[in-house]
Amino acid sequence: MLNNIGLPGLLLIAVVVLVLFGRGKISSLMGEVGKGITAFKKGVDDSSKEIEETMSDDVKDVTPADEDTKV
């Protein structure tokens, strides 16, 4: 269904959207989309850092104790 739209069809859709919403509304909408993408990326980075910190906290030291330090 959408495989045969082609470049002329996409241009027609873009012109219709531009006429319906206007340049200012589309510009502000794209700005909000950019802010949303930035916030999403920041959230993903923060969560991955939190997971790495949790994993590093769970790692335990398994080296054997020295014979001299045993009491």
C-alpha atoms as a PDB file:
ATOM      1  CA  MET A   1       0.000   0.000   0.000  1.00  0.00           C
ATOM      2  CA  LEU A   2       2.675   2.526   1.005  1.00  0.00           C
ATOM      3  CA  ASN A   3       5.316   0.976  -1.224  1.00  0.00           C
ATOM      4  CA  ASN A   4       4.264   2.910  -4.334  1.00  0.00           C
ATOM      5  CA  ILE A   5       3.889   6.476  -2.987  1.00  0.00           C
ATOM      6  CA  GLY A   6       7.130   7.706  -4.513  1.00  0.00           C
ATOM      7  CA  LEU A   7       8.750  11.128  -4.379  1.00  0.00           C
ATOM      8  CA  PRO A   8       5.895  13.077  -6.009  1.00  0.00           C
ATOM      9  CA  GLY A   9       3.411  11.658  -3.519  1.00  0.00           C
ATOM     10  CA  LEU A  10       5.623  12.560  -0.568  1.00  0.00           C
ATOM     11  CA  LEU A  11       6.066  16.092  -1.896  1.00  0.00           C
ATOM     12  CA  LEU A  12       2.311  16.458  -2.291  1.00  0.00           C
ATOM     13  CA  ILE A  13       1.738  15.267   1.280  1.00  0.00           C
ATOM     14  CA  ALA A  14       4.384  17.713   2.565  1.00  0.00           C
ATOM     15  CA  VAL A  15       2.760  20.630   0.719  1.00  0.00           C
ATOM     16  CA  VAL A  16      -0.700  19.749   2.030  1.00  0.00           C
ATOM     17  CA  VAL A  17       0.601  19.515   5.612  1.00  0.00           C
ATOM     18  CA  LEU A  18       2.408  22.842   5.212  1.00  0.00           C
ATOM     19  CA  VAL A  19      -0.741  24.524   3.909  1.00  0.00           C
ATOM     20  CA  LEU A  20      -2.945  23.059   6.641  1.00  0.00           C
ATOM     21  CA  PHE A  21      -0.739  23.770   9.638  1.00  0.00           C
ATOM     22  CA  GLY A  22       1.462  26.657   8.528  1.00  0.00           C
ATOM     23  CA  ARG A  23       5.192  27.113   8.788  1.00  0.00           C
ATOM     24  CA  GLY A  24       5.194  28.379  12.390  1.00  0.00           C
ATOM     25  CA  LYS A  25       3.199  25.488  13.794  1.00  0.00           C
ATOM     26  CA  ILE A  26       5.336  22.882  12.008  1.00  0.00           C
ATOM     27  CA  SER A  27       8.519  24.613  13.173  1.00  0.00           C
ATOM     28  CA  SER A  28       7.419  24.592  16.809  1.00  0.00           C
ATOM     29  CA  LEU A  29       6.267  20.982  16.496  1.00  0.00           C
ATOM     30  CA  MET A  30       9.657  19.899  15.147  1.00  0.00           C
ATOM     31  CA  GLY A  31      11.354  21.764  18.004  1.00  0.00           C
ATOM     32  CA  GLU A  32       9.276  19.827  20.513  1.00  0.00           C
ATOM     33  CA  VAL A  33      10.089  16.561  18.747  1.00  0.00           C
ATOM     34  CA  GLY A  34      13.803  17.417  18.995  1.00  0.00           C
ATOM     35  CA  LYS A  35      13.483  18.159  22.713  1.00  0.00           C
ATOM     36  CA  GLY A  36      11.679  14.857  23.207  1.00  0.00           C
ATOM     37  CA  ILE A  37      14.382  12.900  21.401  1.00  0.00           C
ATOM     38  CA  THR A  38      17.068  14.631  23.474  1.00  0.00           C
ATOM     39  CA  ALA A  39      15.231  13.835  26.713  1.00  0.00           C
ATOM     40  CA  PHE A  40      14.791  10.210  25.638  1.00  0.00           C
ATOM     41  CA  LYS A  41      18.509   9.829  24.870  1.00  0.00           C
ATOM     42  CA  LYS A  42      19.415  11.405  28.224  1.00  0.00           C
ATOM     43  CA  GLY A  43      17.076   9.007  30.024  1.00  0.00           C
ATOM     44  CA  VAL A  44      18.581   5.999  28.266  1.00  0.00           C
ATOM     45  CA  ASP A  45      22.116   7.145  29.134  1.00  0.00           C
ATOM     46  CA  ASP A  46      21.184   7.765  32.772  1.00  0.00           C
ATOM     47  CA  SER A  47      19.529   4.375  33.131  1.00  0.00           C
ATOM     48  CA  SER A  48      22.477   2.558  31.538  1.00  0.00           C
ATOM     49  CA  LYS A  49      24.870   4.349  33.920  1.00  0.00           C
ATOM     50  CA  GLU A  50      22.668   3.379  36.855  1.00  0.00           C
ATOM     51  CA  ILE A  51      22.654  -0.257  35.731  1.00  0.00           C
ATOM     52  CA  GLU A  52      26.449  -0.244  35.383  1.00  0.00           C
ATOM     53  CA  GLU A  53      26.845   1.251  38.869  1.00  0.00           C
ATOM     54  CA  THR A  54      24.511  -1.353  40.327  1.00  0.00           C
ATOM     55  CA  MET A  55      26.417  -4.132  38.622  1.00  0.00           C
ATOM     56  CA  SER A  56      29.779  -2.809  39.853  1.00  0.00           C
ATOM     57  CA  ASP A  57      28.424  -2.535  43.417  1.00  0.00           C
ATOM     58  CA  ASP A  58      27.328  -6.175  43.300  1.00  0.00           C
ATOM     59  CA  VAL A  59      30.794  -7.395  42.326  1.00  0.00           C
ATOM     60  CA  LYS A  60      32.495  -8.833  45.386  1.00  0.00           C
ATOM     61  CA  ASP A  61      36.163  -9.213  46.139  1.00  0.00           C
ATOM     62  CA  VAL A  62      36.931 -12.931  45.998  1.00  0.00           C
ATOM     63  CA  THR A  63      40.712 -12.799  46.431  1.00  0.00           C
ATOM     64  CA  PRO A  64      41.949 -15.033  49.233  1.00  0.00           C
ATOM     65  CA  ALA A  65      43.102 -13.358  52.436  1.00  0.00           C
ATOM     66  CA  ASP A  66      46.805 -13.404  53.295  1.00  0.00           C
ATOM     67  CA  GLU A  67      47.965 -15.918  55.903  1.00  0.00           C
ATOM     68  CA  ASP A  68      49.598 -13.098  57.906  1.00  0.00           C
ATOM     69  CA  THR A  69      46.373 -11.155  58.313  1.00  0.00           C
ATOM     70  CA  LYS A  70      44.396 -14.100  59.694  1.00  0.00           C
ATOM     71  CA  VAL A  71      43.868 -14.078  63.420  1.00  0.00           C
END
